[in-house]
C-alpha atoms as a PDB file:
ATOM      1  CA  MET A   1     196.974 -10.653 -74.923  1.00  0.00           C
ATOM      2  CA  GLY A   2     193.234 -10.367 -74.215  1.00  0.00           C
ATOM      3  CA  SER A   3     193.685 -11.509 -70.515  1.00  0.00           C
ATOM      4  CA  LYS A   4     196.454  -9.075 -70.425  1.00  0.00           C
ATOM      5  CA  THR A   5     194.103  -6.410 -71.739  1.00  0.00           C
ATOM      6  CA  ASN A   6     191.230  -7.438 -68.993  1.00  0.00           C
ATOM      7  CA  PHE A   7     193.584  -7.627 -66.238  1.00  0.00           C
ATOM      8  CA  SER A   8     194.751  -4.093 -67.171  1.00  0.00           C
ATOM      9  CA  SER A   9     191.287  -2.996 -67.679  1.00  0.00           C
ATOM     10  CA  ILE A  10     189.829  -4.235 -63.919  1.00  0.00           C
ATOM     11  CA  PHE A  11     193.489  -2.791 -62.261  1.00  0.00           C
ATOM     12  CA  ALA A  12     192.646   0.428 -64.008  1.00  0.00           C
ATOM     13  CA  GLY A  13     188.740   0.233 -63.052  1.00  0.00           C
ATOM     14  CA  TRP A  14     189.989  -0.614 -59.150  1.00  0.00           C
ATOM     15  CA  PHE A  15     192.646   2.030 -59.321  1.00  0.00           C
ATOM     16  CA  ILE A  16     190.380   4.960 -60.353  1.00  0.00           C
ATOM     17  CA  ILE A  17     187.793   3.639 -57.582  1.00  0.00           C
ATOM     18  CA  LEU A  18     190.441   3.570 -54.757  1.00  0.00           C
ATOM     19  CA  VAL A  19     191.453   7.143 -55.863  1.00  0.00           C
ATOM     20  CA  GLY A  20     187.503   8.369 -56.082  1.00  0.00           C
ATOM     21  CA  LEU A  21     187.468   6.957 -52.127  1.00  0.00           C
ATOM     22  CA  ILE A  22     190.406   8.623 -51.289  1.00  0.00           C
ATOM     23  CA  PHE A  23     189.608  11.936 -52.932  1.00  0.00           C
ATOM     24  CA  PHE A  24     185.870  11.828 -51.196  1.00  0.00           C
ATOM     25  CA  ASN A  25     187.088  10.759 -47.868  1.00  0.00           C
ATOM     26  CA  SER A  26     189.881  13.317 -47.876  1.00  0.00           C
ATOM     27  CA  GLY A  27     189.663  16.923 -45.603  1.00  0.00           C
ATOM     28  CA  ILE A  28     188.743  18.527 -48.825  1.00  0.00           C
ATOM     29  CA  PHE A  29     184.845  17.812 -48.475  1.00  0.00           C
ATOM     30  CA  SER A  30     185.241  18.328 -44.527  1.00  0.00           C
ATOM     31  CA  ILE A  31     182.395  20.715 -43.172  1.00  0.00           C
ATOM     32  CA  ARG A  32     184.001  23.739 -41.348  1.00  0.00           C
ATOM     33  CA  ASN A  33     181.041  25.823 -41.463  1.00  0.00           C
ATOM     34  CA  ILE A  34     177.597  25.747 -41.125  1.00  0.00           C
ATOM     35  CA  VAL A  35     175.280  28.775 -41.714  1.00  0.00           C
ATOM     36  CA  VAL A  36     171.319  28.892 -41.829  1.00  0.00           C
ATOM     37  CA  THR A  37     169.327  30.732 -43.888  1.00  0.00           C
ATOM     38  CA  GLY A  38     165.392  31.596 -43.957  1.00  0.00           C
ATOM     39  CA  ASN A  39     165.005  31.811 -40.149  1.00  0.00           C
ATOM     40  CA  GLN A  40     163.207  34.874 -38.645  1.00  0.00           C
ATOM     41  CA  THR A  41     162.641  34.103 -34.913  1.00  0.00           C
ATOM     42  CA  ILE A  42     164.632  30.941 -34.273  1.00  0.00           C
ATOM     43  CA  ALA A  43     168.445  31.599 -33.526  1.00  0.00           C
ATOM     44  CA  SER A  44     170.838  29.932 -36.230  1.00  0.00           C
ATOM     45  CA  GLU A  45     172.531  28.287 -33.139  1.00  0.00           C
ATOM     46  CA  ASP A  46     169.719  26.426 -31.697  1.00  0.00           C
ATOM     47  CA  ILE A  47     169.114  25.133 -35.451  1.00  0.00           C
ATOM     48  CA  ILE A  48     172.600  24.159 -35.497  1.00  0.00           C
ATOM     49  CA  ARG A  49     172.456  22.824 -32.325  1.00  0.00           C
ATOM     50  CA  ALA A  50     169.874  20.378 -33.168  1.00  0.00           C
ATOM     51  CA  THR A  51     171.861  19.152 -36.251  1.00  0.00           C
ATOM     52  CA  ARG A  52     174.247  17.538 -33.909  1.00  0.00           C
ATOM     53  CA  LEU A  53     176.725  17.504 -36.559  1.00  0.00           C
ATOM     54  CA  ASN A  54     180.331  18.222 -35.709  1.00  0.00           C
ATOM     55  CA  LEU A  55     182.425  19.983 -37.678  1.00  0.00           C
ATOM     56  CA  ASP A  56     185.109  18.255 -40.061  1.00  0.00           C
ATOM     57  CA  LYS A  57     182.537  15.694 -40.731  1.00  0.00           C
ATOM     58  CA  ASN A  58     182.625  14.530 -44.329  1.00  0.00           C
ATOM     59  CA  ILE A  59     179.712  16.089 -46.478  1.00  0.00           C
ATOM     60  CA  PHE A  60     179.318  12.388 -47.817  1.00  0.00           C
ATOM     61  CA  GLN A  61     179.220  10.838 -44.667  1.00  0.00           C
ATOM     62  CA  ILE A  62     176.261  13.052 -42.826  1.00  0.00           C
ATOM     63  CA  ASP A  63     172.619  11.562 -42.906  1.00  0.00           C
ATOM     64  CA  ARG A  64     170.438  14.305 -44.625  1.00  0.00           C
ATOM     65  CA  ALA A  65     167.584  12.348 -43.555  1.00  0.00           C
ATOM     66  CA  LYS A  66     167.999  12.281 -40.170  1.00  0.00           C
ATOM     67  CA  ILE A  67     169.317  16.273 -40.045  1.00  0.00           C
ATOM     68  CA  LYS A  68     166.307  17.292 -41.433  1.00  0.00           C
ATOM     69  CA  SER A  69     164.010  15.254 -39.080  1.00  0.00           C
ATOM     70  CA  ASP A  70     166.225  16.655 -36.216  1.00  0.00           C
ATOM     71  CA  ILE A  71     165.528  20.184 -37.531  1.00  0.00           C
ATOM     72  CA  LEU A  72     161.780  19.527 -38.251  1.00  0.00           C
ATOM     73  CA  ALA A  73     161.071  18.367 -34.642  1.00  0.00           C
ATOM     74  CA  ASN A  74     160.777  21.687 -33.724  1.00  0.00           C
ATOM     75  CA  PRO A  75     157.242  22.545 -34.861  1.00  0.00           C
ATOM     76  CA  ALA A  76     158.094  26.320 -35.303  1.00  0.00           C
ATOM     77  CA  ILE A  77     160.102  24.851 -38.644  1.00  0.00           C
ATOM     78  CA  LEU A  78     157.925  24.074 -41.248  1.00  0.00           C
ATOM     79  CA  SER A  79     160.394  22.922 -44.096  1.00  0.00           C
ATOM     80  CA  VAL A  80     164.199  22.172 -44.241  1.00  0.00           C
ATOM     81  CA  GLU A  81     166.499  21.699 -47.143  1.00  0.00           C
ATOM     82  CA  LEU A  82     170.146  21.032 -46.913  1.00  0.00           C
ATOM     83  CA  HIS A  83     173.036  22.483 -49.500  1.00  0.00           C
ATOM     84  CA  TYR A  84     176.521  21.952 -49.903  1.00  0.00           C
ATOM     85  CA  GLN A  85     178.619  25.137 -50.992  1.00  0.00           C
ATOM     86  CA  PHE A  86     182.214  24.019 -51.751  1.00  0.00           C
ATOM     87  CA  PRO A  87     184.574  23.626 -50.515  1.00  0.00           C
ATOM     88  CA  TYR A  88     183.647  23.730 -46.873  1.00  0.00           C
ATOM     89  CA  THR A  89     179.959  25.183 -46.104  1.00  0.00           C
ATOM     90  CA  LEU A  90     176.949  23.313 -45.558  1.00  0.00           C
ATOM     91  CA  GLU A  91     173.853  25.724 -45.430  1.00  0.00           C
ATOM     92  CA  ILE A  92     170.654  24.990 -43.948  1.00  0.00           C
ATOM     93  CA  ARG A  93     167.780  26.744 -45.494  1.00  0.00           C
ATOM     94  CA  VAL A  94     164.540  26.598 -43.310  1.00  0.00           C
ATOM     95  CA  ARG A  95     161.416  28.070 -43.452  1.00  0.00           C
ATOM     96  CA  GLU A  96     159.444  28.717 -40.601  1.00  0.00           C
ATOM     97  CA  ARG A  97     155.752  27.952 -39.784  1.00  0.00           C
ATOM     98  CA  GLN A  98     154.026  31.607 -39.994  1.00  0.00           C
ATOM     99  CA  PRO A  99     151.279  31.733 -36.757  1.00  0.00           C
ATOM    100  CA  PHE A 100     147.926  32.280 -37.715  1.00  0.00           C
ATOM    101  CA  CYS A 101     145.550  32.049 -34.295  1.00  0.00           C
ATOM    102  CA  LEU A 102     145.315  31.379 -30.638  1.00  0.00           C
ATOM    103  CA  LEU A 103     143.318  28.512 -29.224  1.00  0.00           C
ATOM    104  CA  MET A 104     142.612  28.580 -25.707  1.00  0.00           C
ATOM    105  CA  TYR A 105     143.279  24.969 -24.102  1.00  0.00           C
ATOM    106  CA  ARG A 106     143.519  24.315 -20.356  1.00  0.00           C
ATOM    107  CA  ASP A 107     144.152  27.901 -19.685  1.00  0.00           C
ATOM    108  CA  ASN A 108     146.309  28.384 -21.848  1.00  0.00           C
ATOM    109  CA  LEU A 109     146.644  30.066 -25.125  1.00  0.00           C
ATOM    110  CA  LEU A 110     148.165  27.822 -27.850  1.00  0.00           C
ATOM    111  CA  VAL A 111     149.937  29.534 -31.082  1.00  0.00           C
ATOM    112  CA  LEU A 112     148.910  27.747 -34.216  1.00  0.00           C
ATOM    113  CA  GLY A 113     150.230  27.693 -37.802  1.00  0.00           C
ATOM    114  CA  GLU A 114     148.118  27.758 -40.610  1.00  0.00           C
ATOM    115  CA  ASP A 115     148.305  24.138 -41.240  1.00  0.00           C
ATOM    116  CA  GLY A 116     146.572  23.672 -37.807  1.00  0.00           C
ATOM    117  CA  VAL A 117     149.987  22.575 -36.009  1.00  0.00           C
ATOM    118  CA  ILE A 118     150.795  23.862 -32.221  1.00  0.00           C
ATOM    119  CA  ILE A 119     153.832  25.827 -32.472  1.00  0.00           C
ATOM    120  CA  ARG A 120     154.002  27.006 -28.826  1.00  0.00           C
ATOM    121  CA  VAL A 121     152.075  28.104 -25.670  1.00  0.00           C
ATOM    122  CA  LYS A 122     151.840  31.724 -26.157  1.00  0.00           C
ATOM    123  CA  ASN A 123     153.896  33.382 -22.960  1.00  0.00           C
ATOM    124  CA  ASP A 124     151.582  35.918 -20.869  1.00  0.00           C
ATOM    125  CA  ASN A 125     153.822  38.961 -21.709  1.00  0.00           C
ATOM    126  CA  GLU A 126     154.255  38.090 -25.498  1.00  0.00           C
ATOM    127  CA  PRO A 127     152.866  41.190 -27.683  1.00  0.00           C
ATOM    128  CA  ILE A 128     151.244  39.063 -29.924  1.00  0.00           C
ATOM    129  CA  LYS A 129     148.319  40.065 -32.400  1.00  0.00           C
ATOM    130  CA  LEU A 130     146.431  36.927 -33.244  1.00  0.00           C
ATOM    131  CA  PRO A 131     142.767  36.117 -33.587  1.00  0.00           C
ATOM    132  CA  VAL A 132     141.403  33.674 -30.896  1.00  0.00           C
ATOM    133  CA  VAL A 133     139.668  30.556 -32.422  1.00  0.00           C
ATOM    134  CA  SER A 134     136.937  29.587 -30.149  1.00  0.00           C
ATOM    135  CA  GLY A 135     134.079  26.566 -30.542  1.00  0.00           C
ATOM    136  CA  ILE A 136     136.098  23.856 -31.212  1.00  0.00           C
ATOM    137  CA  LYS A 137     136.532  20.661 -29.764  1.00  0.00           C
ATOM    138  CA  VAL A 138     140.096  19.702 -28.470  1.00  0.00           C
ATOM    139  CA  ASN A 139     141.235  16.700 -26.937  1.00  0.00           C
ATOM    140  CA  HIS A 140     144.719  15.805 -25.736  1.00  0.00           C
ATOM    141  CA  LEU A 141     146.533  18.237 -27.460  1.00  0.00           C
ATOM    142  CA  ARG A 142     150.608  18.912 -27.518  1.00  0.00           C
ATOM    143  CA  ILE A 143     153.200  21.077 -28.859  1.00  0.00           C
ATOM    144  CA  GLY A 144     153.769  19.672 -32.420  1.00  0.00           C
ATOM    145  CA  SER A 145     150.256  18.055 -32.744  1.00  0.00           C
ATOM    146  CA  ARG A 146     147.627  19.170 -35.332  1.00  0.00           C
ATOM    147  CA  VAL A 147     143.999  20.483 -34.434  1.00  0.00           C
ATOM    148  CA  VAL A 148     141.865  17.997 -36.507  1.00  0.00           C
ATOM    149  CA  ASP A 149     138.431  19.095 -36.068  1.00  0.00           C
ATOM    150  CA  PRO A 150     136.798  19.710 -39.402  1.00  0.00           C
ATOM    151  CA  ARG A 151     135.423  23.109 -38.253  1.00  0.00           C
ATOM    152  CA  PHE A 152     138.981  24.415 -37.981  1.00  0.00           C
ATOM    153  CA  GLN A 153     139.219  24.425 -41.746  1.00  0.00           C
ATOM    154  CA  THR A 154     136.380  27.139 -41.714  1.00  0.00           C
ATOM    155  CA  ALA A 155     138.923  29.238 -39.906  1.00  0.00           C
ATOM    156  CA  GLN A 156     141.416  28.721 -42.447  1.00  0.00           C
ATOM    157  CA  GLU A 157     139.492  29.867 -45.182  1.00  0.00           C
ATOM    158  CA  ILE A 158     138.002  32.720 -43.368  1.00  0.00           C
ATOM    159  CA  TRP A 159     141.909  34.108 -42.777  1.00  0.00           C
ATOM    160  CA  ARG A 160     142.872  33.345 -46.429  1.00  0.00           C
ATOM    161  CA  LEU A 161     139.826  35.405 -47.818  1.00  0.00           C
ATOM    162  CA  ALA A 162     140.780  38.099 -45.533  1.00  0.00           C
ATOM    163  CA  ASP A 163     142.460  41.035 -46.608  1.00  0.00           C
ATOM    164  CA  ASP A 164     145.426  42.655 -44.511  1.00  0.00           C
ATOM    165  CA  TYR A 165     143.063  45.253 -42.755  1.00  0.00           C
ATOM    166  CA  LEU A 166     141.016  42.232 -41.678  1.00  0.00           C
ATOM    167  CA  ARG A 167     143.478  40.225 -40.817  1.00  0.00           C
ATOM    168  CA  ARG A 168     144.944  42.991 -38.580  1.00  0.00           C
ATOM    169  CA  THR A 169     141.656  44.134 -36.858  1.00  0.00           C
ATOM    170  CA  LEU A 170     140.326  40.375 -36.460  1.00  0.00           C
ATOM    171  CA  SER A 171     140.321  39.506 -32.931  1.00  0.00           C
ATOM    172  CA  GLU A 172     138.144  36.228 -32.964  1.00  0.00           C
ATOM    173  CA  ILE A 173     136.628  33.597 -35.001  1.00  0.00           C
ATOM    174  CA  ASP A 174     133.840  32.002 -33.306  1.00  0.00           C
ATOM    175  CA  LEU A 175     133.165  28.627 -35.113  1.00  0.00           C
ATOM    176  CA  GLN A 176     130.131  27.768 -32.438  1.00  0.00           C
ATOM    177  CA  ASP A 177     127.811  30.444 -33.554  1.00  0.00           C
ATOM    178  CA  TYR A 178     129.924  31.696 -36.776  1.00  0.00           C
ATOM    179  CA  GLN A 179     130.770  34.913 -35.644  1.00  0.00           C
ATOM    180  CA  LEU A 180     133.965  37.378 -36.033  1.00  0.00           C
ATOM    181  CA  TYR A 181     135.195  39.943 -33.577  1.00  0.00           C
ATOM    182  CA  LEU A 182     136.898  42.819 -35.029  1.00  0.00           C
ATOM    183  CA  ASP A 183     138.756  45.488 -33.029  1.00  0.00           C
ATOM    184  CA  LEU A 184     138.488  48.330 -35.210  1.00  0.00           C
ATOM    185  CA  PRO A 185     141.032  51.295 -35.187  1.00  0.00           C
ATOM    186  CA  LYS A 186     139.599  54.662 -33.749  1.00  0.00           C
ATOM    187  CA  SER A 187     136.262  52.291 -32.508  1.00  0.00           C
ATOM    188  CA  HIS A 188     135.542  52.414 -29.151  1.00  0.00           C
ATOM    189  CA  HIS A 189     133.635  48.797 -29.057  1.00  0.00           C
ATOM    190  CA  THR A 190     134.301  45.566 -30.398  1.00  0.00           C
ATOM    191  CA  LEU A 191     132.195  45.202 -33.917  1.00  0.00           C
ATOM    192  CA  LYS A 192     130.527  41.559 -34.259  1.00  0.00           C
ATOM    193  CA  VAL A 193     129.704  39.896 -37.520  1.00  0.00           C
ATOM    194  CA  GLU A 194     127.294  37.702 -38.061  1.00  0.00           C
ATOM    195  CA  LEU A 195     128.250  34.562 -40.542  1.00  0.00           C
ATOM    196  CA  GLY A 196     125.395  32.327 -39.891  1.00  0.00           C
ATOM    197  CA  ASP A 197     127.283  29.285 -41.137  1.00  0.00           C
ATOM    198  CA  ALA A 198     130.040  28.576 -42.954  1.00  0.00           C
ATOM    199  CA  ASN A 199     128.472  28.581 -46.616  1.00  0.00           C
ATOM    200  CA  GLN A 200     129.462  31.170 -49.107  1.00  0.00           C
ATOM    201  CA  LEU A 201     132.238  32.581 -47.429  1.00  0.00           C
ATOM    202  CA  GLU A 202     134.146  34.075 -50.251  1.00  0.00           C
ATOM    203  CA  GLU A 203     130.837  36.324 -50.815  1.00  0.00           C
ATOM    204  CA  LYS A 204     130.265  37.043 -47.361  1.00  0.00           C
ATOM    205  CA  ILE A 205     133.908  37.907 -46.755  1.00  0.00           C
ATOM    206  CA  ALA A 206     135.812  38.656 -49.952  1.00  0.00           C
ATOM    207  CA  LYS A 207     132.666  40.895 -51.405  1.00  0.00           C
ATOM    208  CA  ASN A 208     130.277  41.991 -48.554  1.00  0.00           C
ATOM    209  CA  LEU A 209     132.642  42.539 -45.679  1.00  0.00           C
ATOM    210  CA  ARG A 210     135.684  44.145 -47.330  1.00  0.00           C
ATOM    211  CA  SER A 211     133.038  46.559 -49.064  1.00  0.00           C
ATOM    212  CA  ILE A 212     131.128  47.487 -45.823  1.00  0.00           C
ATOM    213  CA  LEU A 213     134.408  48.141 -44.305  1.00  0.00           C
ATOM    214  CA  SER A 214     135.814  50.206 -46.825  1.00  0.00           C
ATOM    215  CA  HIS A 215     132.758  52.613 -47.136  1.00  0.00           C
ATOM    216  CA  THR A 216     132.101  52.812 -43.413  1.00  0.00           C
ATOM    217  CA  GLY A 217     133.612  54.720 -40.351  1.00  0.00           C
ATOM    218  CA  PRO A 218     134.582  52.623 -37.583  1.00  0.00           C
ATOM    219  CA  ASP A 219     132.034  54.498 -35.187  1.00  0.00           C
ATOM    220  CA  GLU A 220     129.239  54.440 -37.508  1.00  0.00           C
ATOM    221  CA  LEU A 221     129.272  50.208 -37.204  1.00  0.00           C
ATOM    222  CA  ILE A 222     127.472  48.551 -34.370  1.00  0.00           C
ATOM    223  CA  LYS A 223     126.900  44.913 -36.001  1.00  0.00           C
ATOM    224  CA  ILE A 224     127.195  43.164 -39.419  1.00  0.00           C
ATOM    225  CA  ASP A 225     124.741  40.596 -40.342  1.00  0.00           C
ATOM    226  CA  LEU A 226     126.135  38.621 -43.362  1.00  0.00           C
ATOM    227  CA  ARG A 227     124.034  35.348 -42.782  1.00  0.00           C
ATOM    228  CA  VAL A 228     121.896  36.372 -46.110  1.00  0.00           C
ATOM    229  CA  PRO A 229     124.727  37.139 -48.419  1.00  0.00           C
ATOM    230  CA  SER A 230     122.543  38.308 -51.012  1.00  0.00           C
ATOM    231  CA  ILE A 231     121.293  40.809 -48.415  1.00  0.00           C
ATOM    232  CA  PRO A 232     124.097  42.015 -46.048  1.00  0.00           C
ATOM    233  CA  THR A 233     122.930  44.170 -43.317  1.00  0.00           C
ATOM    234  CA  THR A 234     124.498  46.745 -40.671  1.00  0.00           C
ATOM    235  CA  ILE A 235     123.158  47.702 -37.877  1.00  0.00           C
ATOM    236  CA  LYS A 236     124.558  51.609 -37.401  1.00  0.00           C
ATOM    237  CA  ASN A 237     125.279  53.851 -34.028  1.00  0.00           C
ATOM    238  CA  PRO A 238     122.253  56.288 -34.310  1.00  0.00           C
ATOM    239  CA  GLY A 239     124.467  58.975 -33.072  1.00  0.00           C
END
């Protein structure tokens, strides 16, 4: 009696497994639609093409790790998530890498993300307004690689501390002499800001520079000296 019970249990178990395999491999879990969300500048078609997925592929048979890797091969994409929407839709959620600055390299301007990854080469006719970072050492750069010069972290910190107005007007971050260059609206010249070094950036930028720019007209300023944070100095137009 016991052996028959064991046999029945084993048979039932294998039957359930078999039915499960048939069910999971049936067309009910086939991918018939792929949608992309979160993309702003990259075409959905390009992202889908990078997956190399064929429609009607079973959702449980796809290599998720490889699909993510193939999508992330595009340096303009920062992260990707895959989500299955029953009954037949695969959603690809991407987050694009936001451009942060431009870097001159071998007569080309490279577009960098905030994490220092090179996204692409700037097109000559591209209307993009980003600050140029100068004064750092770069060798053997390529699209998708990361700038590793420690001074680049100073540029990242300056950008983090800058408000929207400063980000819009910042035209260059010079990390050789620690100077900023601003193209202020309604001003006929570029304003130079002396930082002196990378110390006390929060006081220099988030406090002093913001205060000076908010209380002084653009045409009044010729130069701002923040080398001594406790004594911020402005040189104004005598006219």
